[in-house]
Amino acid sequence: MMDYQILFNIAVAIAGFFGGWTLNRIYIAIDRLDNDVRSMPHDYVSRDDYKADIREMRDLLGKIFDKLDNKADK
């Protein structure tokens, strides 16, 4: 018959294994998330670039509308 100490040691070893495995998976997920967050500026447009592009588009559309208004007046 198995001694209770052996069963306890096996239970602690199994719990330790699954605890370590869980912590490892959490570390890997956090590391992957950190890499994704750090690569965001490369994947998305920054706010300043977006504002500059919108300003250029508004200026261009303003010029087009001015030309159309002048053309309609003649």
C-alpha atoms as a PDB file:
ATOM      1  CA  MET A   1       0.000   0.000   0.000  1.00  0.00           C
ATOM      2  CA  MET A   2       1.283   3.484  -0.918  1.00  0.00           C
ATOM      3  CA  ASP A   3       2.270   5.768   1.830  1.00  0.00           C
ATOM      4  CA  TYR A   4       0.334   9.060   2.103  1.00  0.00           C
ATOM      5  CA  GLN A   5       3.588  11.016   1.826  1.00  0.00           C
ATOM      6  CA  ILE A   6       4.213   9.561  -1.637  1.00  0.00           C
ATOM      7  CA  LEU A   7       0.688  10.471  -2.760  1.00  0.00           C
ATOM      8  CA  PHE A   8       1.141  13.959  -1.353  1.00  0.00           C
ATOM      9  CA  ASN A   9       4.498  14.337  -3.147  1.00  0.00           C
ATOM     10  CA  ILE A  10       2.944  13.201  -6.437  1.00  0.00           C
ATOM     11  CA  ALA A  11       0.033  15.633  -5.998  1.00  0.00           C
ATOM     12  CA  VAL A  12       2.413  18.520  -5.241  1.00  0.00           C
ATOM     13  CA  ALA A  13       4.574  17.600  -8.238  1.00  0.00           C
ATOM     14  CA  ILE A  14       1.541  17.539 -10.549  1.00  0.00           C
ATOM     15  CA  ALA A  15       0.257  20.837  -9.138  1.00  0.00           C
ATOM     16  CA  GLY A  16       3.740  22.347  -9.551  1.00  0.00           C
ATOM     17  CA  PHE A  17       3.969  21.143 -13.125  1.00  0.00           C
ATOM     18  CA  PHE A  18       0.594  22.596 -14.112  1.00  0.00           C
ATOM     19  CA  GLY A  19       1.307  25.806 -12.183  1.00  0.00           C
ATOM     20  CA  GLY A  20       4.623  26.243 -13.979  1.00  0.00           C
ATOM     21  CA  TRP A  21       3.056  25.433 -17.328  1.00  0.00           C
ATOM     22  CA  THR A  22       0.288  27.998 -16.706  1.00  0.00           C
ATOM     23  CA  LEU A  23       2.783  30.699 -15.710  1.00  0.00           C
ATOM     24  CA  ASN A  24       4.843  29.924 -18.804  1.00  0.00           C
ATOM     25  CA  ARG A  25       1.779  30.279 -21.063  1.00  0.00           C
ATOM     26  CA  ILE A  26       0.884  33.585 -19.385  1.00  0.00           C
ATOM     27  CA  TYR A  27       4.449  34.852 -19.883  1.00  0.00           C
ATOM     28  CA  ILE A  28       4.367  33.869 -23.573  1.00  0.00           C
ATOM     29  CA  ALA A  29       0.999  35.600 -24.068  1.00  0.00           C
ATOM     30  CA  ILE A  30       2.216  38.795 -22.376  1.00  0.00           C
ATOM     31  CA  ASP A  31       5.413  38.740 -24.429  1.00  0.00           C
ATOM     32  CA  ARG A  32       3.421  38.328 -27.658  1.00  0.00           C
ATOM     33  CA  LEU A  33       1.098  41.170 -26.628  1.00  0.00           C
ATOM     34  CA  ASP A  34       4.090  43.377 -25.834  1.00  0.00           C
ATOM     35  CA  ASN A  35       5.570  42.707 -29.272  1.00  0.00           C
ATOM     36  CA  ASP A  36       2.236  43.530 -30.921  1.00  0.00           C
ATOM     37  CA  VAL A  37       1.934  46.801 -29.007  1.00  0.00           C
ATOM     38  CA  ARG A  38       5.498  47.796 -29.872  1.00  0.00           C
ATOM     39  CA  SER A  39       4.870  47.140 -33.579  1.00  0.00           C
ATOM     40  CA  MET A  40       1.669  49.218 -33.680  1.00  0.00           C
ATOM     41  CA  PRO A  41       3.345  52.426 -34.896  1.00  0.00           C
ATOM     42  CA  HIS A  42       4.567  50.479 -37.913  1.00  0.00           C
ATOM     43  CA  ASP A  43       1.127  49.082 -38.720  1.00  0.00           C
ATOM     44  CA  TYR A  44      -1.074  52.107 -38.065  1.00  0.00           C
ATOM     45  CA  VAL A  45      -0.987  55.782 -39.009  1.00  0.00           C
ATOM     46  CA  SER A  46       0.020  58.142 -36.246  1.00  0.00           C
ATOM     47  CA  ARG A  47      -2.389  60.900 -35.231  1.00  0.00           C
ATOM     48  CA  ASP A  48      -0.108  63.690 -36.494  1.00  0.00           C
ATOM     49  CA  ASP A  49       0.330  62.045 -39.901  1.00  0.00           C
ATOM     50  CA  TYR A  50      -3.432  61.539 -40.156  1.00  0.00           C
ATOM     51  CA  LYS A  51      -4.134  65.190 -39.317  1.00  0.00           C
ATOM     52  CA  ALA A  52      -1.587  66.374 -41.886  1.00  0.00           C
ATOM     53  CA  ASP A  53      -3.096  64.147 -44.585  1.00  0.00           C
ATOM     54  CA  ILE A  54      -6.630  65.338 -43.810  1.00  0.00           C
ATOM     55  CA  ARG A  55      -5.459  68.969 -43.924  1.00  0.00           C
ATOM     56  CA  GLU A  56      -3.914  68.365 -47.373  1.00  0.00           C
ATOM     57  CA  MET A  57      -7.121  66.721 -48.604  1.00  0.00           C
ATOM     58  CA  ARG A  58      -9.241  69.631 -47.333  1.00  0.00           C
ATOM     59  CA  ASP A  59      -6.961  72.131 -49.064  1.00  0.00           C
ATOM     60  CA  LEU A  60      -7.109  70.176 -52.316  1.00  0.00           C
ATOM     61  CA  LEU A  61     -10.895  69.814 -52.148  1.00  0.00           C
ATOM     62  CA  GLY A  62     -11.189  73.529 -51.356  1.00  0.00           C
ATOM     63  CA  LYS A  63      -9.222  74.380 -54.498  1.00  0.00           C
ATOM     64  CA  ILE A  64     -11.371  72.026 -56.576  1.00  0.00           C
ATOM     65  CA  PHE A  65     -14.600  73.554 -55.230  1.00  0.00           C
ATOM     66  CA  ASP A  66     -13.275  77.076 -55.856  1.00  0.00           C
ATOM     67  CA  LYS A  67     -12.533  76.161 -59.483  1.00  0.00           C
ATOM     68  CA  LEU A  68     -15.991  74.619 -59.868  1.00  0.00           C
ATOM     69  CA  ASP A  69     -17.648  77.703 -58.369  1.00  0.00           C
ATOM     70  CA  ASN A  70     -15.712  79.998 -60.732  1.00  0.00           C
ATOM     71  CA  LYS A  71     -16.608  77.793 -63.681  1.00  0.00           C
ATOM     72  CA  ALA A  72     -20.318  77.788 -62.761  1.00  0.00           C
ATOM     73  CA  ASP A  73     -20.327  81.591 -62.521  1.00  0.00           C
ATOM     74  CA  LYS A  74     -19.155  82.032 -66.099  1.00  0.00           C
END
